[in-house]
Amino acid sequence: MTVELVAHLAQVQGFTAIALGLIIGFGALGACIGIGIMGSKFLEAAARQPELVPLLQGRMFLLAGLIDAAFLIGVALAMFFAFANPLLGALHTAGG
């Protein structure tokens, strides 16, 4: 392996690590903000019409699961790039 190839590998790994942090960090931030806003709106609706609480509660938990699932898909994608990075394989192939 040449020094130039090693430098490129290190650069790809460094940028991948930064991207992983951004994917997971912004995904967690978005999920937390989304669930917080949804929870506050649920409490407002429950205070206005207490008779609708069972209906609203079921829908709130469904949406909380969907919001959390979107975050976990982002985490799975980040872990894919962390452990099976296709960019490193392409760089190895190009380097010979």
N, C-alpha and C. Protein backbone atom coordinates (compact mmCIF):
# COMPACT_ATOMS: atom_id res chain seq x y z
N MET A 1 0.84 -1.18 0.00
CA MET A 1 0.00 0.00 0.00
C MET A 1 0.88 1.24 0.00
N THR A 2 0.55 2.15 -0.85
CA THR A 2 1.36 3.36 -0.93
C THR A 2 0.93 4.35 0.15
N VAL A 3 1.79 5.31 0.37
CA VAL A 3 1.49 6.33 1.37
C VAL A 3 0.28 7.16 0.96
N GLU A 4 0.15 7.38 -0.35
CA GLU A 4 -0.98 8.16 -0.85
C GLU A 4 -2.30 7.43 -0.62
N LEU A 5 -2.32 6.12 -0.83
CA LEU A 5 -3.53 5.33 -0.60
C LEU A 5 -3.89 5.33 0.88
N VAL A 6 -2.90 5.20 1.75
CA VAL A 6 -3.15 5.23 3.19
C VAL A 6 -3.73 6.57 3.60
N ALA A 7 -3.22 7.65 3.01
CA ALA A 7 -3.74 8.98 3.33
C ALA A 7 -5.20 9.12 2.88
N HIS A 8 -5.51 8.58 1.71
CA HIS A 8 -6.89 8.63 1.22
C HIS A 8 -7.81 7.78 2.10
N LEU A 9 -7.33 6.62 2.52
CA LEU A 9 -8.14 5.78 3.41
C LEU A 9 -8.43 6.49 4.72
N ALA A 10 -7.42 7.12 5.27
CA ALA A 10 -7.61 7.86 6.53
C ALA A 10 -8.59 9.01 6.34
N GLN A 11 -8.51 9.67 5.20
CA GLN A 11 -9.42 10.78 4.94
C GLN A 11 -10.86 10.29 4.80
N VAL A 12 -11.06 9.18 4.10
CA VAL A 12 -12.41 8.62 3.96
C VAL A 12 -12.95 8.19 5.32
N GLN A 13 -12.11 7.56 6.13
CA GLN A 13 -12.56 7.14 7.46
C GLN A 13 -12.87 8.34 8.34
N GLY A 14 -12.10 9.39 8.24
CA GLY A 14 -12.36 10.59 9.03
C GLY A 14 -13.67 11.26 8.64
N PHE A 15 -13.89 11.41 7.33
CA PHE A 15 -15.14 12.00 6.88
C PHE A 15 -16.34 11.12 7.21
N THR A 16 -16.14 9.81 7.17
CA THR A 16 -17.21 8.89 7.54
C THR A 16 -17.56 9.05 9.01
N ALA A 17 -16.57 9.19 9.87
CA ALA A 17 -16.83 9.38 11.29
C ALA A 17 -17.60 10.68 11.55
N ILE A 18 -17.24 11.74 10.84
CA ILE A 18 -17.96 13.00 10.99
C ILE A 18 -19.40 12.84 10.52
N ALA A 19 -19.60 12.17 9.39
CA ALA A 19 -20.95 11.95 8.87
C ALA A 19 -21.79 11.11 9.82
N LEU A 20 -21.18 10.10 10.43
CA LEU A 20 -21.92 9.27 11.39
C LEU A 20 -22.40 10.09 12.57
N GLY A 21 -21.53 10.94 13.08
CA GLY A 21 -21.92 11.79 14.20
C GLY A 21 -23.06 12.73 13.83
N LEU A 22 -23.00 13.28 12.62
CA LEU A 22 -24.06 14.18 12.18
C LEU A 22 -25.38 13.44 11.97
N ILE A 23 -25.32 12.26 11.37
CA ILE A 23 -26.54 11.48 11.14
C ILE A 23 -27.22 11.14 12.46
N ILE A 24 -26.45 10.60 13.39
CA ILE A 24 -27.03 10.18 14.66
C ILE A 24 -27.45 11.39 15.50
N GLY A 25 -26.61 12.42 15.53
CA GLY A 25 -26.91 13.59 16.34
C GLY A 25 -28.14 14.34 15.86
N PHE A 26 -28.20 14.65 14.56
CA PHE A 26 -29.37 15.37 14.05
C PHE A 26 -30.62 14.50 14.07
N GLY A 27 -30.46 13.20 13.87
CA GLY A 27 -31.61 12.29 13.96
C GLY A 27 -32.19 12.26 15.36
N ALA A 28 -31.32 12.19 16.36
CA ALA A 28 -31.79 12.19 17.75
C ALA A 28 -32.43 13.52 18.11
N LEU A 29 -31.81 14.62 17.66
CA LEU A 29 -32.37 15.94 17.93
C LEU A 29 -33.75 16.09 17.31
N GLY A 30 -33.89 15.68 16.07
CA GLY A 30 -35.18 15.78 15.40
C GLY A 30 -36.25 14.91 16.05
N ALA A 31 -35.87 13.69 16.44
CA ALA A 31 -36.84 12.80 17.10
C ALA A 31 -37.27 13.37 18.45
N CYS A 32 -36.34 13.90 19.20
CA CYS A 32 -36.69 14.47 20.51
C CYS A 32 -37.59 15.69 20.37
N ILE A 33 -37.27 16.56 19.43
CA ILE A 33 -38.11 17.74 19.22
C ILE A 33 -39.50 17.32 18.73
N GLY A 34 -39.56 16.37 17.81
CA GLY A 34 -40.85 15.90 17.30
C GLY A 34 -41.72 15.28 18.36
N ILE A 35 -41.14 14.43 19.20
CA ILE A 35 -41.93 13.79 20.26
C ILE A 35 -42.33 14.81 21.31
N GLY A 36 -41.46 15.79 21.58
CA GLY A 36 -41.81 16.84 22.54
C GLY A 36 -42.97 17.68 22.07
N ILE A 37 -42.95 18.09 20.81
CA ILE A 37 -44.06 18.89 20.26
C ILE A 37 -45.34 18.06 20.24
N MET A 38 -45.23 16.79 19.83
CA MET A 38 -46.41 15.94 19.78
C MET A 38 -47.00 15.74 21.18
N GLY A 39 -46.14 15.54 22.17
CA GLY A 39 -46.62 15.36 23.55
C GLY A 39 -47.31 16.60 24.08
N SER A 40 -46.76 17.77 23.77
CA SER A 40 -47.39 19.00 24.26
C SER A 40 -48.75 19.21 23.60
N LYS A 41 -48.85 18.90 22.31
CA LYS A 41 -50.14 19.05 21.62
C LYS A 41 -51.16 18.02 22.14
N PHE A 42 -50.68 16.84 22.50
CA PHE A 42 -51.58 15.84 23.08
C PHE A 42 -52.14 16.34 24.42
N LEU A 43 -51.27 16.91 25.25
CA LEU A 43 -51.74 17.42 26.54
C LEU A 43 -52.72 18.57 26.36
N GLU A 44 -52.48 19.45 25.39
CA GLU A 44 -53.43 20.53 25.11
C GLU A 44 -54.77 19.98 24.67
N ALA A 45 -54.75 19.01 23.78
CA ALA A 45 -56.00 18.42 23.29
C ALA A 45 -56.72 17.66 24.40
N ALA A 46 -55.98 16.99 25.26
CA ALA A 46 -56.60 16.25 26.36
C ALA A 46 -57.23 17.21 27.37
N ALA A 47 -56.62 18.37 27.56
CA ALA A 47 -57.19 19.34 28.49
C ALA A 47 -58.46 19.97 27.92
N ARG A 48 -58.52 20.13 26.61
CA ARG A 48 -59.70 20.74 25.99
C ARG A 48 -60.87 19.76 25.92
N GLN A 49 -60.58 18.52 25.53
CA GLN A 49 -61.64 17.51 25.39
C GLN A 49 -61.21 16.20 26.05
N PRO A 50 -61.46 16.08 27.34
CA PRO A 50 -61.02 14.87 28.06
C PRO A 50 -61.67 13.58 27.56
N GLU A 51 -62.82 13.69 26.93
CA GLU A 51 -63.49 12.47 26.47
C GLU A 51 -62.79 11.83 25.28
N LEU A 52 -61.91 12.56 24.61
CA LEU A 52 -61.18 12.01 23.47
C LEU A 52 -59.80 11.46 23.82
N VAL A 53 -59.46 11.43 25.10
CA VAL A 53 -58.13 10.99 25.51
C VAL A 53 -57.79 9.58 25.03
N PRO A 54 -58.68 8.58 25.15
CA PRO A 54 -58.29 7.23 24.67
C PRO A 54 -57.98 7.19 23.17
N LEU A 55 -58.76 7.89 22.36
CA LEU A 55 -58.52 7.93 20.93
C LEU A 55 -57.21 8.64 20.62
N LEU A 56 -57.00 9.79 21.24
CA LEU A 56 -55.79 10.57 20.99
C LEU A 56 -54.54 9.86 21.51
N GLN A 57 -54.70 9.15 22.63
CA GLN A 57 -53.54 8.47 23.21
C GLN A 57 -53.03 7.36 22.30
N GLY A 58 -53.95 6.61 21.71
CA GLY A 58 -53.54 5.56 20.78
C GLY A 58 -52.82 6.12 19.57
N ARG A 59 -53.34 7.22 19.03
CA ARG A 59 -52.70 7.84 17.88
C ARG A 59 -51.35 8.45 18.25
N MET A 60 -51.26 8.99 19.46
CA MET A 60 -49.99 9.59 19.89
C MET A 60 -48.91 8.51 20.00
N PHE A 61 -49.25 7.36 20.56
CA PHE A 61 -48.24 6.29 20.68
C PHE A 61 -47.86 5.73 19.31
N LEU A 62 -48.81 5.68 18.38
CA LEU A 62 -48.49 5.24 17.02
C LEU A 62 -47.49 6.19 16.38
N LEU A 63 -47.76 7.50 16.49
CA LEU A 63 -46.84 8.48 15.91
C LEU A 63 -45.49 8.48 16.61
N ALA A 64 -45.48 8.27 17.92
CA ALA A 64 -44.20 8.20 18.64
C ALA A 64 -43.36 7.03 18.13
N GLY A 65 -44.00 5.91 17.85
CA GLY A 65 -43.29 4.77 17.28
C GLY A 65 -42.75 5.04 15.90
N LEU A 66 -43.52 5.76 15.08
CA LEU A 66 -43.05 6.09 13.73
C LEU A 66 -41.90 7.08 13.77
N ILE A 67 -41.98 8.06 14.66
CA ILE A 67 -40.89 9.03 14.78
C ILE A 67 -39.62 8.32 15.24
N ASP A 68 -39.76 7.43 16.22
CA ASP A 68 -38.60 6.71 16.72
C ASP A 68 -38.06 5.74 15.67
N ALA A 69 -38.95 5.16 14.87
CA ALA A 69 -38.49 4.25 13.82
C ALA A 69 -37.66 4.99 12.78
N ALA A 70 -38.04 6.21 12.45
CA ALA A 70 -37.26 6.99 11.49
C ALA A 70 -35.86 7.27 12.02
N PHE A 71 -35.76 7.56 13.31
CA PHE A 71 -34.45 7.77 13.92
C PHE A 71 -33.62 6.48 13.89
N LEU A 72 -34.24 5.36 14.19
CA LEU A 72 -33.50 4.10 14.22
C LEU A 72 -33.06 3.66 12.82
N ILE A 73 -33.81 4.03 11.79
CA ILE A 73 -33.36 3.76 10.42
C ILE A 73 -32.10 4.55 10.14
N GLY A 74 -32.05 5.79 10.61
CA GLY A 74 -30.83 6.60 10.46
C GLY A 74 -29.66 5.99 11.20
N VAL A 75 -29.90 5.47 12.39
CA VAL A 75 -28.83 4.81 13.15
C VAL A 75 -28.35 3.56 12.42
N ALA A 76 -29.26 2.79 11.86
CA ALA A 76 -28.87 1.59 11.11
C ALA A 76 -28.04 1.95 9.89
N LEU A 77 -28.42 3.01 9.20
CA LEU A 77 -27.64 3.46 8.05
C LEU A 77 -26.25 3.92 8.48
N ALA A 78 -26.17 4.62 9.59
CA ALA A 78 -24.88 5.08 10.10
C ALA A 78 -24.00 3.88 10.49
N MET A 79 -24.58 2.87 11.11
CA MET A 79 -23.80 1.69 11.48
C MET A 79 -23.35 0.92 10.25
N PHE A 80 -24.16 0.94 9.19
CA PHE A 80 -23.74 0.30 7.95
C PHE A 80 -22.47 0.96 7.43
N PHE A 81 -22.45 2.28 7.41
CA PHE A 81 -21.26 2.98 6.93
C PHE A 81 -20.10 2.86 7.90
N ALA A 82 -20.39 2.63 9.17
CA ALA A 82 -19.30 2.49 10.14
C ALA A 82 -18.60 1.13 10.00
N PHE A 83 -19.35 0.08 9.76
CA PHE A 83 -18.77 -1.26 9.79
C PHE A 83 -18.61 -1.92 8.42
N ALA A 84 -19.38 -1.50 7.43
CA ALA A 84 -19.28 -2.10 6.09
C ALA A 84 -19.24 -0.98 5.07
N ASN A 85 -18.28 -0.11 5.20
CA ASN A 85 -18.22 1.08 4.37
C ASN A 85 -17.89 0.73 2.93
N PRO A 86 -18.83 0.94 2.00
CA PRO A 86 -18.54 0.61 0.60
C PRO A 86 -17.52 1.55 -0.02
N LEU A 87 -17.35 2.75 0.56
CA LEU A 87 -16.37 3.68 0.02
C LEU A 87 -14.95 3.17 0.22
N LEU A 88 -14.69 2.50 1.34
CA LEU A 88 -13.36 1.95 1.57
C LEU A 88 -13.06 0.81 0.61
N GLY A 89 -14.06 -0.01 0.33
CA GLY A 89 -13.86 -1.10 -0.62
C GLY A 89 -13.56 -0.60 -2.01
N ALA A 90 -14.27 0.45 -2.42
CA ALA A 90 -14.00 1.04 -3.74
C ALA A 90 -12.62 1.66 -3.79
N LEU A 91 -12.18 2.25 -2.71
CA LEU A 91 -10.86 2.87 -2.67
C LEU A 91 -9.77 1.81 -2.71
N HIS A 92 -9.99 0.68 -2.00
CA HIS A 92 -9.01 -0.42 -2.06
C HIS A 92 -8.91 -0.97 -3.47
N THR A 93 -10.06 -1.12 -4.15
CA THR A 93 -10.05 -1.66 -5.50
C THR A 93 -9.35 -0.71 -6.46
N ALA A 94 -9.60 0.60 -6.31
CA ALA A 94 -8.96 1.57 -7.20
C ALA A 94 -7.45 1.67 -6.96
N GLY A 95 -7.04 1.43 -5.71
CA GLY A 95 -5.63 1.52 -5.38
C GLY A 95 -4.82 0.32 -5.82
N GLY A 96 -5.50 -0.77 -6.05
CA GLY A 96 -4.77 -1.94 -6.55
C GLY A 96 -4.38 -2.90 -5.53
